[in-house]
Amino acid sequence: CLLDVNEGSGSKSITKFYYKKSTGRCFKFTFKGDGGNGNRFDSRKKCVNTCMLGIRQVDAFILSCSDPIAETCKLEVDEGKGRTPGRFFYFDNKKGYCERFKFKGKGGNGNRFKTRKECRAACVVG
């Protein structure tokens, strides 16, 4: 959610959504099919549920505050599919730190960062 939008590469035109931290809102963009980053969601609802800090209320009683960064960082590592591997980092929620892994180039999830520094900025508290 903290990453800038990245349309990726390729020749496809797939409608996706990203979170723009400067406005605090989710926007539509065209994903090209390969690469990109974890700030990419299949629907506006998924983007909102993952990234927008919100207070859920029922009858004026606060139920919970969401922590979108923590949810992304809790995802299991996903190597994706494809034949163009690259080295990335993911946050290992059980160990509490960022580790390197080989991403295969397509698919995957939001728990994928280009650098250890980027991973730590998004997932390590304190």
C-alpha atoms as a PDB file:
ATOM      1  CA  CYS A   1       0.000   0.000   0.000  1.00  0.00           C
ATOM      2  CA  LEU A   2       2.934   2.327   0.531  1.00  0.00           C
ATOM      3  CA  LEU A   3       4.430   1.659  -2.900  1.00  0.00           C
ATOM      4  CA  ASP A   4       3.831   3.864  -5.933  1.00  0.00           C
ATOM      5  CA  VAL A   5       1.606   2.401  -8.627  1.00  0.00           C
ATOM      6  CA  ASN A   6       3.533   0.187 -11.068  1.00  0.00           C
ATOM      7  CA  GLU A   7       1.806  -0.808 -14.309  1.00  0.00           C
ATOM      8  CA  GLY A   8       4.310  -3.598 -14.883  1.00  0.00           C
ATOM      9  CA  SER A   9       5.342  -4.766 -18.314  1.00  0.00           C
ATOM     10  CA  GLY A  10       3.785  -6.792 -21.082  1.00  0.00           C
ATOM     11  CA  SER A  11       1.050  -6.334 -23.636  1.00  0.00           C
ATOM     12  CA  LYS A  12      -2.045  -7.135 -21.578  1.00  0.00           C
ATOM     13  CA  SER A  13      -4.594  -4.584 -20.374  1.00  0.00           C
ATOM     14  CA  ILE A  14      -5.992  -5.755 -17.044  1.00  0.00           C
ATOM     15  CA  THR A  15      -8.042  -3.448 -14.844  1.00  0.00           C
ATOM     16  CA  LYS A  16      -6.647  -3.359 -11.304  1.00  0.00           C
ATOM     17  CA  PHE A  17      -6.713  -0.969  -8.357  1.00  0.00           C
ATOM     18  CA  TYR A  18      -3.955   0.660  -6.295  1.00  0.00           C
ATOM     19  CA  TYR A  19      -3.810   2.700  -3.104  1.00  0.00           C
ATOM     20  CA  LYS A  20      -2.477   6.255  -3.385  1.00  0.00           C
ATOM     21  CA  LYS A  21      -1.090   7.150   0.020  1.00  0.00           C
ATOM     22  CA  SER A  22      -1.060  10.909  -0.652  1.00  0.00           C
ATOM     23  CA  THR A  23      -4.844  10.943  -1.056  1.00  0.00           C
ATOM     24  CA  GLY A  24      -5.734   7.966   1.120  1.00  0.00           C
ATOM     25  CA  ARG A  25      -7.904   6.482  -1.648  1.00  0.00           C
ATOM     26  CA  CYS A  26      -7.937   3.571  -4.096  1.00  0.00           C
ATOM     27  CA  PHE A  27      -7.806   4.220  -7.845  1.00  0.00           C
ATOM     28  CA  LYS A  28      -8.199   2.168 -11.017  1.00  0.00           C
ATOM     29  CA  PHE A  29      -5.204   1.545 -13.310  1.00  0.00           C
ATOM     30  CA  THR A  30      -4.272  -0.708 -16.220  1.00  0.00           C
ATOM     31  CA  PHE A  31      -1.866  -3.519 -15.347  1.00  0.00           C
ATOM     32  CA  LYS A  32       0.191  -4.831 -18.278  1.00  0.00           C
ATOM     33  CA  GLY A  33       0.350  -8.423 -17.037  1.00  0.00           C
ATOM     34  CA  ASP A  34       3.890  -8.964 -15.735  1.00  0.00           C
ATOM     35  CA  GLY A  35       5.980  -7.576 -12.885  1.00  0.00           C
ATOM     36  CA  GLY A  36       4.533  -4.641 -11.016  1.00  0.00           C
ATOM     37  CA  ASN A  37       4.465  -4.640  -7.235  1.00  0.00           C
ATOM     38  CA  GLY A  38       2.276  -5.509  -4.285  1.00  0.00           C
ATOM     39  CA  ASN A  39       0.176  -2.345  -4.498  1.00  0.00           C
ATOM     40  CA  ARG A  40      -2.183  -4.038  -6.975  1.00  0.00           C
ATOM     41  CA  PHE A  41      -5.645  -5.366  -6.201  1.00  0.00           C
ATOM     42  CA  ASP A  42      -8.316  -7.166  -8.218  1.00  0.00           C
ATOM     43  CA  SER A  43     -11.107  -4.911  -6.950  1.00  0.00           C
ATOM     44  CA  ARG A  44     -11.622  -1.535  -5.306  1.00  0.00           C
ATOM     45  CA  LYS A  45     -13.120  -3.380  -2.324  1.00  0.00           C
ATOM     46  CA  LYS A  46      -9.953  -5.455  -1.809  1.00  0.00           C
ATOM     47  CA  CYS A  47      -7.840  -2.307  -2.061  1.00  0.00           C
ATOM     48  CA  VAL A  48      -9.993  -0.487   0.478  1.00  0.00           C
ATOM     49  CA  ASN A  49     -10.079  -3.455   2.865  1.00  0.00           C
ATOM     50  CA  THR A  50      -6.313  -3.898   2.695  1.00  0.00           C
ATOM     51  CA  CYS A  51      -5.007  -0.349   2.591  1.00  0.00           C
ATOM     52  CA  MET A  52      -7.380   2.210   3.960  1.00  0.00           C
ATOM     53  CA  LEU A  53      -6.983   2.718   7.660  1.00  0.00           C
ATOM     54  CA  GLY A  54     -10.509   2.722   8.877  1.00  0.00           C
ATOM     55  CA  ILE A  55     -12.578   2.490  11.965  1.00  0.00           C
ATOM     56  CA  ARG A  56     -15.440   0.070  11.660  1.00  0.00           C
ATOM     57  CA  GLN A  57     -18.503   1.190  13.535  1.00  0.00           C
ATOM     58  CA  VAL A  58     -21.876  -0.316  14.324  1.00  0.00           C
ATOM     59  CA  ASP A  59     -24.412   1.854  16.163  1.00  0.00           C
ATOM     60  CA  ALA A  60     -21.632   4.321  17.013  1.00  0.00           C
ATOM     61  CA  PHE A  61     -19.569   1.708  18.862  1.00  0.00           C
ATOM     62  CA  ILE A  62     -16.028   1.210  17.612  1.00  0.00           C
ATOM     63  CA  LEU A  63     -15.414  -2.462  16.845  1.00  0.00           C
ATOM     64  CA  SER A  64     -11.863  -2.421  15.534  1.00  0.00           C
ATOM     65  CA  CYS A  65      -9.183  -0.445  13.792  1.00  0.00           C
ATOM     66  CA  SER A  66      -7.620  -2.092  10.780  1.00  0.00           C
ATOM     67  CA  ASP A  67      -3.873  -2.295  10.226  1.00  0.00           C
ATOM     68  CA  PRO A  68      -3.460  -2.709   6.447  1.00  0.00           C
ATOM     69  CA  ILE A  69       0.293  -3.032   6.444  1.00  0.00           C
ATOM     70  CA  ALA A  70       0.212  -5.894   8.905  1.00  0.00           C
ATOM     71  CA  GLU A  71      -2.310  -7.800   6.778  1.00  0.00           C
ATOM     72  CA  THR A  72      -0.112  -7.658   3.658  1.00  0.00           C
ATOM     73  CA  CYS A  73       2.954  -8.646   5.648  1.00  0.00           C
ATOM     74  CA  LYS A  74       1.131 -11.657   7.114  1.00  0.00           C
ATOM     75  CA  LEU A  75       0.718 -13.227   3.660  1.00  0.00           C
ATOM     76  CA  GLU A  76       2.760 -16.365   3.037  1.00  0.00           C
ATOM     77  CA  VAL A  77       5.566 -16.058   0.517  1.00  0.00           C
ATOM     78  CA  ASP A  78       4.277 -16.701  -3.023  1.00  0.00           C
ATOM     79  CA  GLU A  79       6.881 -17.418  -5.710  1.00  0.00           C
ATOM     80  CA  GLY A  80       4.279 -16.909  -8.425  1.00  0.00           C
ATOM     81  CA  LYS A  81       4.453 -18.517 -11.837  1.00  0.00           C
ATOM     82  CA  GLY A  82       6.488 -17.875 -14.934  1.00  0.00           C
ATOM     83  CA  ARG A  83       9.959 -18.267 -16.317  1.00  0.00           C
ATOM     84  CA  THR A  84      11.588 -14.924 -15.586  1.00  0.00           C
ATOM     85  CA  PRO A  85      12.891 -15.284 -12.040  1.00  0.00           C
ATOM     86  CA  GLY A  86      14.117 -12.381  -9.998  1.00  0.00           C
ATOM     87  CA  ARG A  87      15.309 -11.906  -6.437  1.00  0.00           C
ATOM     88  CA  PHE A  88      12.914 -10.158  -4.103  1.00  0.00           C
ATOM     89  CA  PHE A  89      12.229  -9.933  -0.385  1.00  0.00           C
ATOM     90  CA  TYR A  90       9.199 -10.934   1.672  1.00  0.00           C
ATOM     91  CA  PHE A  91       8.324 -10.482   5.320  1.00  0.00           C
ATOM     92  CA  ASP A  92       8.395 -13.766   7.245  1.00  0.00           C
ATOM     93  CA  ASN A  93       5.701 -13.121   9.833  1.00  0.00           C
ATOM     94  CA  LYS A  94       6.755 -16.108  11.965  1.00  0.00           C
ATOM     95  CA  LYS A  95      10.407 -15.041  12.163  1.00  0.00           C
ATOM     96  CA  GLY A  96       9.683 -11.303  12.275  1.00  0.00           C
ATOM     97  CA  TYR A  97      12.093 -10.187   9.551  1.00  0.00           C
ATOM     98  CA  CYS A  98      12.505  -9.840   5.783  1.00  0.00           C
ATOM     99  CA  GLU A  99      14.027 -12.688   3.780  1.00  0.00           C
ATOM    100  CA  ARG A 100      15.106 -13.084   0.170  1.00  0.00           C
ATOM    101  CA  PHE A 101      13.218 -15.351  -2.245  1.00  0.00           C
ATOM    102  CA  LYS A 102      13.053 -16.076  -5.965  1.00  0.00           C
ATOM    103  CA  PHE A 103       9.947 -14.684  -7.641  1.00  0.00           C
ATOM    104  CA  LYS A 104       9.107 -16.397 -10.949  1.00  0.00           C
ATOM    105  CA  GLY A 105       7.802 -13.264 -12.675  1.00  0.00           C
ATOM    106  CA  LYS A 106       3.985 -13.534 -12.692  1.00  0.00           C
ATOM    107  CA  GLY A 107       1.264 -13.649 -10.050  1.00  0.00           C
ATOM    108  CA  GLY A 108       2.358 -13.706  -6.454  1.00  0.00           C
ATOM    109  CA  ASN A 109       0.916 -11.444  -3.769  1.00  0.00           C
ATOM    110  CA  GLY A 110       1.543  -8.158  -1.991  1.00  0.00           C
ATOM    111  CA  ASN A 111       4.225  -9.562   0.296  1.00  0.00           C
ATOM    112  CA  ARG A 112       6.962  -8.956  -2.297  1.00  0.00           C
ATOM    113  CA  PHE A 113       9.489  -6.130  -2.202  1.00  0.00           C
ATOM    114  CA  LYS A 114      12.413  -5.157  -4.453  1.00  0.00           C
ATOM    115  CA  THR A 115      14.757  -4.453  -1.550  1.00  0.00           C
ATOM    116  CA  ARG A 116      15.153  -5.479   2.080  1.00  0.00           C
ATOM    117  CA  LYS A 117      14.874  -1.786   2.987  1.00  0.00           C
ATOM    118  CA  GLU A 118      11.499  -1.529   1.219  1.00  0.00           C
ATOM    119  CA  CYS A 119      10.304  -4.684   2.996  1.00  0.00           C
ATOM    120  CA  ARG A 120      11.395  -3.395   6.394  1.00  0.00           C
ATOM    121  CA  ALA A 121       9.773  -0.005   5.816  1.00  0.00           C
ATOM    122  CA  ALA A 122       6.451  -1.677   5.065  1.00  0.00           C
ATOM    123  CA  CYS A 123       6.459  -4.498   7.599  1.00  0.00           C
ATOM    124  CA  VAL A 124       8.825  -3.996  10.526  1.00  0.00           C
ATOM    125  CA  VAL A 125       7.324  -2.063  13.423  1.00  0.00           C
ATOM    126  CA  GLY A 126       9.544   0.263  15.402  1.00  0.00           C
END
